Amino acid sequence: MTTIPPTYERRTFGADTRGGYIVRPVFRRQGTGPTVILVHEVGGISARTLAVADTLAAAGYTVALPQILRPFPLGPATLRAGVTIASFCVAGTISALSTNRTGMIVEWLRGLARDESARAGDRPVGVIGMCFSGGFALGAILEPAVGAGVMSQPSLPFAVSSRHEDALGVSPEDLAGIKGRIGMGENLRVMRYALDRLSPAARYERVVATFPACERRTIPTDDPDDHSVLADAVAPDADGDLRLALDETLAFLRAHLGR
């Protein structure tokens, strides 16, 4: 289990959702700039999550790390099994298989965004979702306090059928509201590896078609198991394409949140 450094203060945040009151721990690293909510991948808050968070902090942001799932051992060989386990454990909260429903955890995340914005004097906040949480950034951007959303390798709903492959994981009503709020999508960014089997190309393409002004980046690869864009991008051995994806993401946040 990853130890959260003392630079991150733990608090508990709760919010009402249509399915009840949800409470989750949130680890915060206070900075001088706007807040970015970074939602971890399926393995929980890992050392790689913290590396992404520390990169954001070094760029001047306050970072909030909500713990959506409890951490468990995760490696390349167990990734699909871990995702499946997560879907069964939290399907009602996250809507891991539904093509047209917004998960209750997204409603909770909107509440967290409002709270973090209020803490920062009503400054807009950013939301970065990765892997199972990648699509949460789209659902969260319905909240007016969210000024920028980054969808990194969005993997929900699981692509168990062709109709799931391009599903965005939000309800039709929420999608209409998101379109009404962000228009062509200038404050939305989406990324994935070119051959990623967990984050379907059809979903990426639908995001781009729905929000044609969104920023986007496809990272070249010859390995369909390549998946974790930002976590790979902050690794010491990251190649030029990954470093470009990271630099573009930081520039995107600066453009929409300031620093």
C-alpha atoms as a PDB file:
ATOM      1  CA  MET A   1       0.000   0.000   0.000  1.00  0.00           C
ATOM      2  CA  THR A   2       1.378   3.393  -1.003  1.00  0.00           C
ATOM      3  CA  THR A   3       2.216   5.743   1.855  1.00  0.00           C
ATOM      4  CA  ILE A   4       0.846   9.241   1.304  1.00  0.00           C
ATOM      5  CA  PRO A   5       3.625  11.768   2.049  1.00  0.00           C
ATOM      6  CA  PRO A   6       3.128  14.270   4.897  1.00  0.00           C
ATOM      7  CA  THR A   7       2.996  17.070   2.310  1.00  0.00           C
ATOM      8  CA  TYR A   8      -0.560  15.841   1.634  1.00  0.00           C
ATOM      9  CA  GLU A   9      -3.160  16.643   4.278  1.00  0.00           C
ATOM     10  CA  ARG A  10      -5.955  14.090   4.675  1.00  0.00           C
ATOM     11  CA  ARG A  11      -9.533  15.209   5.018  1.00  0.00           C
ATOM     12  CA  THR A  12     -12.911  13.584   4.507  1.00  0.00           C
ATOM     13  CA  PHE A  13     -15.446  15.003   2.091  1.00  0.00           C
ATOM     14  CA  GLY A  14     -19.083  14.024   1.798  1.00  0.00           C
ATOM     15  CA  ALA A  15     -21.790  15.061  -0.654  1.00  0.00           C
ATOM     16  CA  ASP A  16     -25.378  14.166  -1.423  1.00  0.00           C
ATOM     17  CA  THR A  17     -26.071  12.244  -4.623  1.00  0.00           C
ATOM     18  CA  ARG A  18     -29.247  10.837  -6.110  1.00  0.00           C
ATOM     19  CA  GLY A  19     -28.362   7.506  -4.499  1.00  0.00           C
ATOM     20  CA  GLY A  20     -27.446   8.807  -1.074  1.00  0.00           C
ATOM     21  CA  TYR A  21     -24.645  10.476   0.807  1.00  0.00           C
ATOM     22  CA  ILE A  22     -21.148   9.506  -0.381  1.00  0.00           C
ATOM     23  CA  VAL A  23     -18.025  10.044   1.705  1.00  0.00           C
ATOM     24  CA  ARG A  24     -14.457   9.618   0.506  1.00  0.00           C
ATOM     25  CA  PRO A  25     -11.013  10.591   1.804  1.00  0.00           C
ATOM     26  CA  VAL A  26      -9.278  13.429  -0.044  1.00  0.00           C
ATOM     27  CA  PHE A  27      -5.548  14.107   0.189  1.00  0.00           C
ATOM     28  CA  ARG A  28      -4.596  17.732  -0.480  1.00  0.00           C
ATOM     29  CA  ARG A  29      -1.265  19.333  -1.220  1.00  0.00           C
ATOM     30  CA  GLN A  30      -1.722  23.047  -0.741  1.00  0.00           C
ATOM     31  CA  GLY A  31      -0.071  25.307  -3.263  1.00  0.00           C
ATOM     32  CA  THR A  32      -0.332  28.923  -4.325  1.00  0.00           C
ATOM     33  CA  GLY A  33      -2.166  28.339  -7.608  1.00  0.00           C
ATOM     34  CA  PRO A  34      -5.561  26.987  -8.665  1.00  0.00           C
ATOM     35  CA  THR A  35      -6.689  23.536  -7.585  1.00  0.00           C
ATOM     36  CA  VAL A  36      -6.513  20.481  -9.804  1.00  0.00           C
ATOM     37  CA  ILE A  37      -8.492  17.421  -8.710  1.00  0.00           C
ATOM     38  CA  LEU A  38      -6.570  14.345  -9.843  1.00  0.00           C
ATOM     39  CA  VAL A  39      -8.578  11.108  -9.807  1.00  0.00           C
ATOM     40  CA  HIS A  40      -6.463   7.967  -9.591  1.00  0.00           C
ATOM     41  CA  GLU A  41      -6.489   4.875 -11.796  1.00  0.00           C
ATOM     42  CA  VAL A  42      -8.076   1.572 -10.854  1.00  0.00           C
ATOM     43  CA  GLY A  43      -5.268   0.534  -8.495  1.00  0.00           C
ATOM     44  CA  GLY A  44      -5.994   3.383  -6.078  1.00  0.00           C
ATOM     45  CA  ILE A  45      -3.598   6.175  -5.148  1.00  0.00           C
ATOM     46  CA  SER A  46      -0.262   4.688  -6.151  1.00  0.00           C
ATOM     47  CA  ALA A  47       3.315   5.932  -6.315  1.00  0.00           C
ATOM     48  CA  ARG A  48       2.672   6.695  -9.983  1.00  0.00           C
ATOM     49  CA  THR A  49      -0.424   8.738  -9.076  1.00  0.00           C
ATOM     50  CA  LEU A  50       1.663  10.692  -6.603  1.00  0.00           C
ATOM     51  CA  ALA A  51       4.305  11.305  -9.270  1.00  0.00           C
ATOM     52  CA  VAL A  52       1.647  12.920 -11.470  1.00  0.00           C
ATOM     53  CA  ALA A  53       0.363  14.911  -8.486  1.00  0.00           C
ATOM     54  CA  ASP A  54       3.863  16.089  -7.592  1.00  0.00           C
ATOM     55  CA  THR A  55       4.383  17.207 -11.188  1.00  0.00           C
ATOM     56  CA  LEU A  56       1.215  19.300 -10.962  1.00  0.00           C
ATOM     57  CA  ALA A  57       2.349  20.720  -7.627  1.00  0.00           C
ATOM     58  CA  ALA A  58       5.743  21.604  -9.093  1.00  0.00           C
ATOM     59  CA  ALA A  59       3.884  23.489 -11.826  1.00  0.00           C
ATOM     60  CA  GLY A  60       2.248  25.633  -9.140  1.00  0.00           C
ATOM     61  CA  TYR A  61      -1.097  23.950  -8.527  1.00  0.00           C
ATOM     62  CA  THR A  62      -2.865  22.940  -5.363  1.00  0.00           C
ATOM     63  CA  VAL A  63      -3.616  19.235  -5.824  1.00  0.00           C
ATOM     64  CA  ALA A  64      -6.579  17.302  -4.427  1.00  0.00           C
ATOM     65  CA  LEU A  65      -6.411  13.504  -4.598  1.00  0.00           C
ATOM     66  CA  PRO A  66      -9.740  11.827  -3.826  1.00  0.00           C
ATOM     67  CA  GLN A  67      -9.525   8.154  -2.940  1.00  0.00           C
ATOM     68  CA  ILE A  68     -12.376   6.606  -4.927  1.00  0.00           C
ATOM     69  CA  LEU A  69     -11.256   2.969  -4.683  1.00  0.00           C
ATOM     70  CA  ARG A  70      -9.242   1.247  -2.009  1.00  0.00           C
ATOM     71  CA  PRO A  71      -5.770   0.402  -3.309  1.00  0.00           C
ATOM     72  CA  PHE A  72      -4.818  -3.157  -4.195  1.00  0.00           C
ATOM     73  CA  PRO A  73      -1.749  -4.686  -5.894  1.00  0.00           C
ATOM     74  CA  LEU A  74      -1.759  -3.933  -9.595  1.00  0.00           C
ATOM     75  CA  GLY A  75       0.577  -4.732 -12.452  1.00  0.00           C
ATOM     76  CA  PRO A  76       0.303  -5.227 -16.198  1.00  0.00           C
ATOM     77  CA  ALA A  77      -0.758  -8.870 -15.818  1.00  0.00           C
ATOM     78  CA  THR A  78      -3.574  -8.066 -13.396  1.00  0.00           C
ATOM     79  CA  LEU A  79      -4.925  -4.860 -14.898  1.00  0.00           C
ATOM     80  CA  ARG A  80      -7.968  -6.372 -16.603  1.00  0.00           C
ATOM     81  CA  ALA A  81      -8.797  -8.493 -13.580  1.00  0.00           C
ATOM     82  CA  GLY A  82      -8.526  -5.436 -11.361  1.00  0.00           C
ATOM     83  CA  VAL A  83     -10.837  -3.417 -13.570  1.00  0.00           C
ATOM     84  CA  THR A  84     -13.387  -6.227 -13.553  1.00  0.00           C
ATOM     85  CA  ILE A  85     -13.230  -6.546  -9.781  1.00  0.00           C
ATOM     86  CA  ALA A  86     -13.711  -2.812  -9.425  1.00  0.00           C
ATOM     87  CA  SER A  87     -16.772  -2.900 -11.666  1.00  0.00           C
ATOM     88  CA  PHE A  88     -18.486  -5.500  -9.486  1.00  0.00           C
ATOM     89  CA  CYS A  89     -17.544  -3.795  -6.228  1.00  0.00           C
ATOM     90  CA  VAL A  90     -18.667  -0.280  -7.122  1.00  0.00           C
ATOM     91  CA  ALA A  91     -20.961  -0.667 -10.141  1.00  0.00           C
ATOM     92  CA  GLY A  92     -23.832   1.152  -8.447  1.00  0.00           C
ATOM     93  CA  THR A  93     -21.678   4.131  -7.547  1.00  0.00           C
ATOM     94  CA  ILE A  94     -19.600   4.318 -10.717  1.00  0.00           C
ATOM     95  CA  SER A  95     -21.950   2.822 -13.361  1.00  0.00           C
ATOM     96  CA  ALA A  96     -19.177   0.740 -14.867  1.00  0.00           C
ATOM     97  CA  LEU A  97     -21.369  -0.964 -17.455  1.00  0.00           C
ATOM     98  CA  SER A  98     -24.117   1.553 -18.157  1.00  0.00           C
ATOM     99  CA  THR A  99     -23.958   3.385 -21.480  1.00  0.00           C
ATOM    100  CA  ASN A 100     -26.410   6.156 -20.633  1.00  0.00           C
ATOM    101  CA  ARG A 101     -26.173   6.867 -16.923  1.00  0.00           C
ATOM    102  CA  THR A 102     -23.980   9.223 -14.935  1.00  0.00           C
ATOM    103  CA  GLY A 103     -22.363   7.487 -11.975  1.00  0.00           C
ATOM    104  CA  MET A 104     -23.164   8.758  -8.513  1.00  0.00           C
ATOM    105  CA  ILE A 105     -19.447   9.262  -7.896  1.00  0.00           C
ATOM    106  CA  VAL A 106     -19.482  11.942 -10.618  1.00  0.00           C
ATOM    107  CA  GLU A 107     -22.151  13.808  -8.663  1.00  0.00           C
ATOM    108  CA  TRP A 108     -19.893  13.520  -5.617  1.00  0.00           C
ATOM    109  CA  LEU A 109     -16.975  14.812  -7.680  1.00  0.00           C
ATOM    110  CA  ARG A 110     -18.983  17.866  -8.727  1.00  0.00           C
ATOM    111  CA  GLY A 111     -19.589  18.559  -5.056  1.00  0.00           C
ATOM    112  CA  LEU A 112     -15.880  18.251  -4.350  1.00  0.00           C
ATOM    113  CA  ALA A 113     -15.159  20.677  -7.197  1.00  0.00           C
ATOM    114  CA  ARG A 114     -17.569  23.227  -5.706  1.00  0.00           C
ATOM    115  CA  ASP A 115     -15.960  22.826  -2.310  1.00  0.00           C
ATOM    116  CA  GLU A 116     -12.410  23.151  -3.638  1.00  0.00           C
ATOM    117  CA  SER A 117     -13.387  26.208  -5.663  1.00  0.00           C
ATOM    118  CA  ALA A 118     -14.910  27.852  -2.572  1.00  0.00           C
ATOM    119  CA  ARG A 119     -11.735  27.107  -0.584  1.00  0.00           C
ATOM    120  CA  ALA A 120      -9.759  28.915  -3.281  1.00  0.00           C
ATOM    121  CA  GLY A 121     -11.916  32.037  -3.320  1.00  0.00           C
ATOM    122  CA  ASP A 122     -14.253  30.779  -6.056  1.00  0.00           C
ATOM    123  CA  ARG A 123     -11.435  30.223  -8.532  1.00  0.00           C
ATOM    124  CA  PRO A 124     -12.200  27.580 -11.173  1.00  0.00           C
ATOM    125  CA  VAL A 125     -10.703  24.150 -10.618  1.00  0.00           C
ATOM    126  CA  GLY A 126      -9.450  21.500 -12.997  1.00  0.00           C
ATOM    127  CA  VAL A 127     -10.396  17.821 -13.000  1.00  0.00           C
ATOM    128  CA  ILE A 128      -8.141  15.091 -14.392  1.00  0.00           C
ATOM    129  CA  GLY A 129      -9.533  11.583 -14.698  1.00  0.00           C
ATOM    130  CA  MET A 130      -7.363   8.597 -15.617  1.00  0.00           C
ATOM    131  CA  CYS A 131      -8.344   5.069 -16.684  1.00  0.00           C
ATOM    132  CA  PHE A 132     -11.650   4.110 -15.027  1.00  0.00           C
ATOM    133  CA  SER A 133     -12.011   7.743 -13.921  1.00  0.00           C
ATOM    134  CA  GLY A 134     -11.077   9.242 -17.304  1.00  0.00           C
ATOM    135  CA  GLY A 135     -14.686   9.927 -18.235  1.00  0.00           C
ATOM    136  CA  PHE A 136     -15.405  11.466 -14.832  1.00  0.00           C
ATOM    137  CA  ALA A 137     -13.739  14.659 -16.060  1.00  0.00           C
ATOM    138  CA  LEU A 138     -16.430  14.984 -18.729  1.00  0.00           C
ATOM    139  CA  GLY A 139     -19.254  14.393 -16.263  1.00  0.00           C
ATOM    140  CA  ALA A 140     -17.711  16.784 -13.746  1.00  0.00           C
ATOM    141  CA  ILE A 141     -17.452  19.653 -16.211  1.00  0.00           C
ATOM    142  CA  LEU A 142     -21.209  20.155 -15.971  1.00  0.00           C
ATOM    143  CA  GLU A 143     -20.378  21.823 -12.640  1.00  0.00           C
ATOM    144  CA  PRO A 144     -19.724  25.576 -13.227  1.00  0.00           C
ATOM    145  CA  ALA A 145     -16.803  25.515 -10.763  1.00  0.00           C
ATOM    146  CA  VAL A 146     -14.864  23.239 -13.154  1.00  0.00           C
ATOM    147  CA  GLY A 147     -12.855  25.314 -15.613  1.00  0.00           C
ATOM    148  CA  ALA A 148     -10.904  22.512 -17.298  1.00  0.00           C
ATOM    149  CA  GLY A 149     -11.383  18.781 -17.732  1.00  0.00           C
ATOM    150  CA  VAL A 150      -8.776  16.241 -18.830  1.00  0.00           C
ATOM    151  CA  MET A 151      -9.957  12.807 -19.963  1.00  0.00           C
ATOM    152  CA  SER A 152      -6.907  10.568 -19.913  1.00  0.00           C
ATOM    153  CA  GLN A 153      -7.461   7.080 -21.394  1.00  0.00           C
ATOM    154  CA  PRO A 154     -11.196   6.964 -20.451  1.00  0.00           C
ATOM    155  CA  SER A 155     -12.089   3.293 -19.866  1.00  0.00           C
ATOM    156  CA  LEU A 156     -15.674   3.367 -18.589  1.00  0.00           C
ATOM    157  CA  PRO A 157     -18.112   2.024 -19.426  1.00  0.00           C
ATOM    158  CA  PHE A 158     -16.235  -1.188 -20.158  1.00  0.00           C
ATOM    159  CA  ALA A 159     -16.291  -2.064 -23.843  1.00  0.00           C
ATOM    160  CA  VAL A 160     -18.195  -5.323 -23.406  1.00  0.00           C
ATOM    161  CA  SER A 161     -20.166  -4.769 -26.622  1.00  0.00           C
ATOM    162  CA  SER A 162     -20.013  -2.560 -29.689  1.00  0.00           C
ATOM    163  CA  ARG A 163     -22.533  -0.135 -28.210  1.00  0.00           C
ATOM    164  CA  HIS A 164     -20.319   0.326 -25.173  1.00  0.00           C
ATOM    165  CA  GLU A 165     -17.246   1.240 -27.203  1.00  0.00           C
ATOM    166  CA  ASP A 166     -18.286   4.820 -27.963  1.00  0.00           C
ATOM    167  CA  ALA A 167     -20.328   5.391 -24.796  1.00  0.00           C
ATOM    168  CA  LEU A 168     -19.292   8.441 -22.767  1.00  0.00           C
ATOM    169  CA  GLY A 169     -20.584   7.316 -19.378  1.00  0.00           C
ATOM    170  CA  VAL A 170     -22.999  10.208 -18.844  1.00  0.00           C
ATOM    171  CA  SER A 171     -26.760  10.417 -19.113  1.00  0.00           C
ATOM    172  CA  PRO A 172     -28.340  12.023 -22.196  1.00  0.00           C
ATOM    173  CA  GLU A 173     -29.603  14.840 -19.973  1.00  0.00           C
ATOM    174  CA  ASP A 174     -26.145  15.500 -18.554  1.00  0.00           C
ATOM    175  CA  LEU A 175     -24.550  15.347 -22.003  1.00  0.00           C
ATOM    176  CA  ALA A 176     -27.014  17.959 -23.252  1.00  0.00           C
ATOM    177  CA  GLY A 177     -26.195  20.114 -20.230  1.00  0.00           C
ATOM    178  CA  ILE A 178     -22.465  19.721 -20.801  1.00  0.00           C
ATOM    179  CA  LYS A 179     -22.870  20.774 -24.436  1.00  0.00           C
ATOM    180  CA  GLY A 180     -24.874  23.775 -23.307  1.00  0.00           C
ATOM    181  CA  ARG A 181     -22.208  24.746 -20.825  1.00  0.00           C
ATOM    182  CA  ILE A 182     -18.963  24.216 -22.762  1.00  0.00           C
ATOM    183  CA  GLY A 183     -20.173  24.487 -26.349  1.00  0.00           C
ATOM    184  CA  MET A 184     -17.521  23.199 -28.730  1.00  0.00           C
ATOM    185  CA  GLY A 185     -15.381  22.032 -25.810  1.00  0.00           C
ATOM    186  CA  GLU A 186     -12.383  24.364 -25.715  1.00  0.00           C
ATOM    187  CA  ASN A 187     -11.860  23.590 -22.027  1.00  0.00           C
ATOM    188  CA  LEU A 188     -11.868  19.795 -22.525  1.00  0.00           C
ATOM    189  CA  ARG A 189      -8.857  17.609 -23.338  1.00  0.00           C
ATOM    190  CA  VAL A 190      -8.798  13.890 -24.219  1.00  0.00           C
ATOM    191  CA  MET A 191      -5.795  11.530 -24.566  1.00  0.00           C
ATOM    192  CA  ARG A 192      -5.088   7.855 -25.157  1.00  0.00           C
ATOM    193  CA  TYR A 193      -2.491   5.473 -26.533  1.00  0.00           C
ATOM    194  CA  ALA A 194      -3.246   4.610 -30.169  1.00  0.00           C
ATOM    195  CA  LEU A 195      -3.786   0.880 -29.556  1.00  0.00           C
ATOM    196  CA  ASP A 196      -5.131   0.959 -25.999  1.00  0.00           C
ATOM    197  CA  ARG A 197      -7.513  -1.992 -25.584  1.00  0.00           C
ATOM    198  CA  LEU A 198      -9.025  -0.619 -22.382  1.00  0.00           C
ATOM    199  CA  SER A 199      -9.832   2.841 -23.759  1.00  0.00           C
ATOM    200  CA  PRO A 200     -11.605   2.309 -27.108  1.00  0.00           C
ATOM    201  CA  ALA A 201     -10.756   4.449 -30.111  1.00  0.00           C
ATOM    202  CA  ALA A 202     -14.489   4.823 -30.821  1.00  0.00           C
ATOM    203  CA  ARG A 203     -14.972   6.607 -27.478  1.00  0.00           C
ATOM    204  CA  TYR A 204     -12.081   8.979 -28.156  1.00  0.00           C
ATOM    205  CA  GLU A 205     -13.477   9.710 -31.616  1.00  0.00           C
ATOM    206  CA  ARG A 206     -16.938  10.388 -30.216  1.00  0.00           C
ATOM    207  CA  VAL A 207     -15.531  12.888 -27.734  1.00  0.00           C
ATOM    208  CA  VAL A 208     -13.778  14.693 -30.578  1.00  0.00           C
ATOM    209  CA  ALA A 209     -16.890  14.592 -32.779  1.00  0.00           C
ATOM    210  CA  THR A 210     -19.124  15.853 -29.951  1.00  0.00           C
ATOM    211  CA  PHE A 211     -16.708  18.573 -28.845  1.00  0.00           C
ATOM    212  CA  PRO A 212     -14.729  19.464 -31.977  1.00  0.00           C
ATOM    213  CA  ALA A 213     -12.782  22.263 -30.313  1.00  0.00           C
ATOM    214  CA  CYS A 214     -11.432  19.999 -27.563  1.00  0.00           C
ATOM    215  CA  GLU A 215      -7.711  19.414 -27.284  1.00  0.00           C
ATOM    216  CA  ARG A 216      -6.671  15.889 -28.127  1.00  0.00           C
ATOM    217  CA  ARG A 217      -3.563  13.713 -28.287  1.00  0.00           C
ATOM    218  CA  THR A 218      -3.058  10.145 -29.468  1.00  0.00           C
ATOM    219  CA  ILE A 219       0.265   8.672 -28.329  1.00  0.00           C
ATOM    220  CA  PRO A 220       1.894   6.318 -30.852  1.00  0.00           C
ATOM    221  CA  THR A 221       2.543   2.760 -29.685  1.00  0.00           C
ATOM    222  CA  ASP A 222       2.870  -0.771 -30.997  1.00  0.00           C
ATOM    223  CA  ASP A 223       1.711  -2.329 -27.717  1.00  0.00           C
ATOM    224  CA  PRO A 224      -2.041  -2.630 -27.004  1.00  0.00           C
ATOM    225  CA  ASP A 225      -1.271  -2.936 -23.287  1.00  0.00           C
ATOM    226  CA  ASP A 226       0.116   0.616 -23.140  1.00  0.00           C
ATOM    227  CA  HIS A 227      -2.475   2.523 -21.154  1.00  0.00           C
ATOM    228  CA  SER A 228      -1.437   5.002 -18.456  1.00  0.00           C
ATOM    229  CA  VAL A 229      -0.657   8.189 -20.370  1.00  0.00           C
ATOM    230  CA  LEU A 230       0.137  10.684 -17.605  1.00  0.00           C
ATOM    231  CA  ALA A 231       1.699   8.166 -15.230  1.00  0.00           C
ATOM    232  CA  ASP A 232       3.994   7.047 -18.055  1.00  0.00           C
ATOM    233  CA  ALA A 233       4.655  10.656 -19.054  1.00  0.00           C
ATOM    234  CA  VAL A 234       6.139  11.611 -15.678  1.00  0.00           C
ATOM    235  CA  ALA A 235       8.418   8.544 -15.566  1.00  0.00           C
ATOM    236  CA  PRO A 236      12.153   9.262 -15.960  1.00  0.00           C
ATOM    237  CA  ASP A 237      12.315   7.185 -19.157  1.00  0.00           C
ATOM    238  CA  ALA A 238       9.310   8.808 -20.857  1.00  0.00           C
ATOM    239  CA  ASP A 239       9.820   9.298 -24.573  1.00  0.00           C
ATOM    240  CA  GLY A 240       9.222  12.454 -26.595  1.00  0.00           C
ATOM    241  CA  ASP A 241       5.592  11.716 -27.438  1.00  0.00           C
ATOM    242  CA  LEU A 242       4.708  11.219 -23.788  1.00  0.00           C
ATOM    243  CA  ARG A 243       6.597  14.312 -22.694  1.00  0.00           C
ATOM    244  CA  LEU A 244       4.736  16.290 -25.352  1.00  0.00           C
ATOM    245  CA  ALA A 245       1.425  14.979 -24.001  1.00  0.00           C
ATOM    246  CA  LEU A 246       2.435  16.108 -20.504  1.00  0.00           C
ATOM    247  CA  ASP A 247       3.662  19.523 -21.642  1.00  0.00           C
ATOM    248  CA  GLU A 248       0.456  20.070 -23.603  1.00  0.00           C
ATOM    249  CA  THR A 249      -1.632  19.091 -20.579  1.00  0.00           C
ATOM    250  CA  LEU A 250       0.161  21.573 -18.341  1.00  0.00           C
ATOM    251  CA  ALA A 251      -0.219  24.283 -20.981  1.00  0.00           C
ATOM    252  CA  PHE A 252      -3.929  23.436 -21.262  1.00  0.00           C
ATOM    253  CA  LEU A 253      -4.387  23.838 -17.506  1.00  0.00           C
ATOM    254  CA  ARG A 254      -2.519  27.159 -17.531  1.00  0.00           C
ATOM    255  CA  ALA A 255      -4.693  28.437 -20.369  1.00  0.00           C
ATOM    256  CA  HIS A 256      -7.955  27.667 -18.563  1.00  0.00           C
ATOM    257  CA  LEU A 257      -7.075  27.969 -14.882  1.00  0.00           C
ATOM    258  CA  GLY A 258      -4.057  30.263 -14.763  1.00  0.00           C
ATOM    259  CA  ARG A 259      -1.276  29.493 -12.323  1.00  0.00           C
END
